Amino acid sequence: MNSKPLEIEGTWEEVMARKEERAGRRVRVTVLSDSSELSSPEKTPYFRPASGRSILRHAGTWQGDDFEECLSLVYETRSELEF
């Protein structure tokens, strides 16, 4: 019978204020980065949404004579979505 571990989050002082409740128990401590570190522009990971440029480089490069057949197959086999 394993119970889910209790997660406690807060400053060190907030966690230690309740130390009597956890006395004698095994614990694991993870020290998180300062929130000021995360909010600085040079520390924030750069995110760039996908542009589709990698797909567009293939536009107009279809080679083969089965395009109409493939397109028909798509229309025949697709189904309506239920939300």
C-alpha atoms as a PDB file:
ATOM      1  CA  MET A   1       0.000   0.000   0.000  1.00  0.00           C
ATOM      2  CA  ASN A   2       2.057   2.949  -1.312  1.00  0.00           C
ATOM      3  CA  SER A   3       0.624   6.391  -0.823  1.00  0.00           C
ATOM      4  CA  LYS A   4       1.525   9.312  -3.038  1.00  0.00           C
ATOM      5  CA  PRO A   5       4.400  11.376  -1.592  1.00  0.00           C
ATOM      6  CA  LEU A   6       3.420  14.661   0.002  1.00  0.00           C
ATOM      7  CA  GLU A   7       4.798  17.655  -1.883  1.00  0.00           C
ATOM      8  CA  ILE A   8       5.507  20.803   0.097  1.00  0.00           C
ATOM      9  CA  GLU A   9       6.580  23.974  -1.667  1.00  0.00           C
ATOM     10  CA  GLY A  10       7.595  27.337  -0.278  1.00  0.00           C
ATOM     11  CA  THR A  11      10.597  29.198   0.999  1.00  0.00           C
ATOM     12  CA  TRP A  12      12.998  27.410   3.307  1.00  0.00           C
ATOM     13  CA  GLU A  13      11.599  29.412   6.207  1.00  0.00           C
ATOM     14  CA  GLU A  14       8.017  28.424   5.358  1.00  0.00           C
ATOM     15  CA  VAL A  15       8.934  24.753   5.151  1.00  0.00           C
ATOM     16  CA  MET A  16      10.962  24.824   8.370  1.00  0.00           C
ATOM     17  CA  ALA A  17       8.122  26.537  10.248  1.00  0.00           C
ATOM     18  CA  ARG A  18       6.251  23.194  10.020  1.00  0.00           C
ATOM     19  CA  LYS A  19       9.208  20.938  10.783  1.00  0.00           C
ATOM     20  CA  GLU A  20       7.593  19.411  13.874  1.00  0.00           C
ATOM     21  CA  GLU A  21       4.828  17.937  11.692  1.00  0.00           C
ATOM     22  CA  ARG A  22       7.411  16.100   9.575  1.00  0.00           C
ATOM     23  CA  ALA A  23       9.885  15.077  12.291  1.00  0.00           C
ATOM     24  CA  GLY A  24      11.339  11.601  11.780  1.00  0.00           C
ATOM     25  CA  ARG A  25      10.169  11.338   8.146  1.00  0.00           C
ATOM     26  CA  ARG A  26      12.401  10.876   5.114  1.00  0.00           C
ATOM     27  CA  VAL A  27      12.463  13.931   2.841  1.00  0.00           C
ATOM     28  CA  ARG A  28      13.872  14.993  -0.508  1.00  0.00           C
ATOM     29  CA  VAL A  29      14.826  18.623  -1.018  1.00  0.00           C
ATOM     30  CA  THR A  30      15.023  20.308  -4.433  1.00  0.00           C
ATOM     31  CA  VAL A  31      16.317  23.861  -4.464  1.00  0.00           C
ATOM     32  CA  LEU A  32      14.601  25.839  -7.223  1.00  0.00           C
ATOM     33  CA  SER A  33      16.079  28.767  -9.110  1.00  0.00           C
ATOM     34  CA  ASP A  34      15.315  32.246  -7.871  1.00  0.00           C
ATOM     35  CA  SER A  35      12.235  33.689  -9.562  1.00  0.00           C
ATOM     36  CA  SER A  36      14.251  36.840 -10.315  1.00  0.00           C
ATOM     37  CA  GLU A  37      16.668  34.677 -12.304  1.00  0.00           C
ATOM     38  CA  LEU A  38      13.862  33.248 -14.424  1.00  0.00           C
ATOM     39  CA  SER A  39      12.314  36.600 -15.233  1.00  0.00           C
ATOM     40  CA  SER A  40      15.476  38.243 -16.530  1.00  0.00           C
ATOM     41  CA  PRO A  41      15.468  38.432 -20.342  1.00  0.00           C
ATOM     42  CA  GLU A  42      18.918  36.886 -20.765  1.00  0.00           C
ATOM     43  CA  LYS A  43      17.935  33.837 -18.674  1.00  0.00           C
ATOM     44  CA  THR A  44      14.515  33.265 -20.292  1.00  0.00           C
ATOM     45  CA  PRO A  45      14.695  30.486 -22.902  1.00  0.00           C
ATOM     46  CA  TYR A  46      14.130  31.788 -26.414  1.00  0.00           C
ATOM     47  CA  PHE A  47      10.903  30.560 -27.993  1.00  0.00           C
ATOM     48  CA  ARG A  48      10.037  31.084 -31.625  1.00  0.00           C
ATOM     49  CA  PRO A  49       6.748  29.698 -32.926  1.00  0.00           C
ATOM     50  CA  ALA A  50       6.969  27.461 -35.987  1.00  0.00           C
ATOM     51  CA  SER A  51       6.700  29.349 -39.250  1.00  0.00           C
ATOM     52  CA  GLY A  52       6.152  26.478 -41.675  1.00  0.00           C
ATOM     53  CA  ARG A  53       9.218  27.574 -43.628  1.00  0.00           C
ATOM     54  CA  SER A  54      10.709  24.070 -43.450  1.00  0.00           C
ATOM     55  CA  ILE A  55       7.632  22.658 -45.189  1.00  0.00           C
ATOM     56  CA  LEU A  56       7.379  25.444 -47.761  1.00  0.00           C
ATOM     57  CA  ARG A  57      10.792  24.604 -49.178  1.00  0.00           C
ATOM     58  CA  HIS A  58       9.141  21.455 -50.593  1.00  0.00           C
ATOM     59  CA  ALA A  59       6.238  23.319 -52.210  1.00  0.00           C
ATOM     60  CA  GLY A  60       6.009  22.717 -55.920  1.00  0.00           C
ATOM     61  CA  THR A  61       8.345  19.750 -55.809  1.00  0.00           C
ATOM     62  CA  TRP A  62       5.757  16.978 -56.175  1.00  0.00           C
ATOM     63  CA  GLN A  63       7.126  14.253 -58.390  1.00  0.00           C
ATOM     64  CA  GLY A  64       4.875  11.462 -59.469  1.00  0.00           C
ATOM     65  CA  ASP A  65       1.575  10.875 -61.170  1.00  0.00           C
ATOM     66  CA  ASP A  66      -0.504   9.646 -58.219  1.00  0.00           C
ATOM     67  CA  PHE A  67      -1.416  12.988 -56.652  1.00  0.00           C
ATOM     68  CA  GLU A  68      -5.098  12.768 -57.623  1.00  0.00           C
ATOM     69  CA  GLU A  69      -5.255   9.151 -56.420  1.00  0.00           C
ATOM     70  CA  CYS A  70      -3.707  10.076 -53.051  1.00  0.00           C
ATOM     71  CA  LEU A  71      -6.038  13.044 -52.655  1.00  0.00           C
ATOM     72  CA  SER A  72      -9.056  10.835 -53.411  1.00  0.00           C
ATOM     73  CA  LEU A  73      -7.885   8.334 -50.822  1.00  0.00           C
ATOM     74  CA  VAL A  74      -7.685  11.069 -48.205  1.00  0.00           C
ATOM     75  CA  TYR A  75     -11.227  12.246 -48.919  1.00  0.00           C
ATOM     76  CA  GLU A  76     -12.593   8.683 -48.942  1.00  0.00           C
ATOM     77  CA  THR A  77     -11.014   7.590 -45.667  1.00  0.00           C
ATOM     78  CA  ARG A  78     -11.398  10.661 -43.475  1.00  0.00           C
ATOM     79  CA  SER A  79     -14.117  10.685 -40.852  1.00  0.00           C
ATOM     80  CA  GLU A  80     -16.017  13.361 -39.007  1.00  0.00           C
ATOM     81  CA  LEU A  81     -14.733  14.434 -35.620  1.00  0.00           C
ATOM     82  CA  GLU A  82     -16.910  14.352 -32.560  1.00  0.00           C
ATOM     83  CA  PHE A  83     -16.284  16.907 -29.855  1.00  0.00           C
END
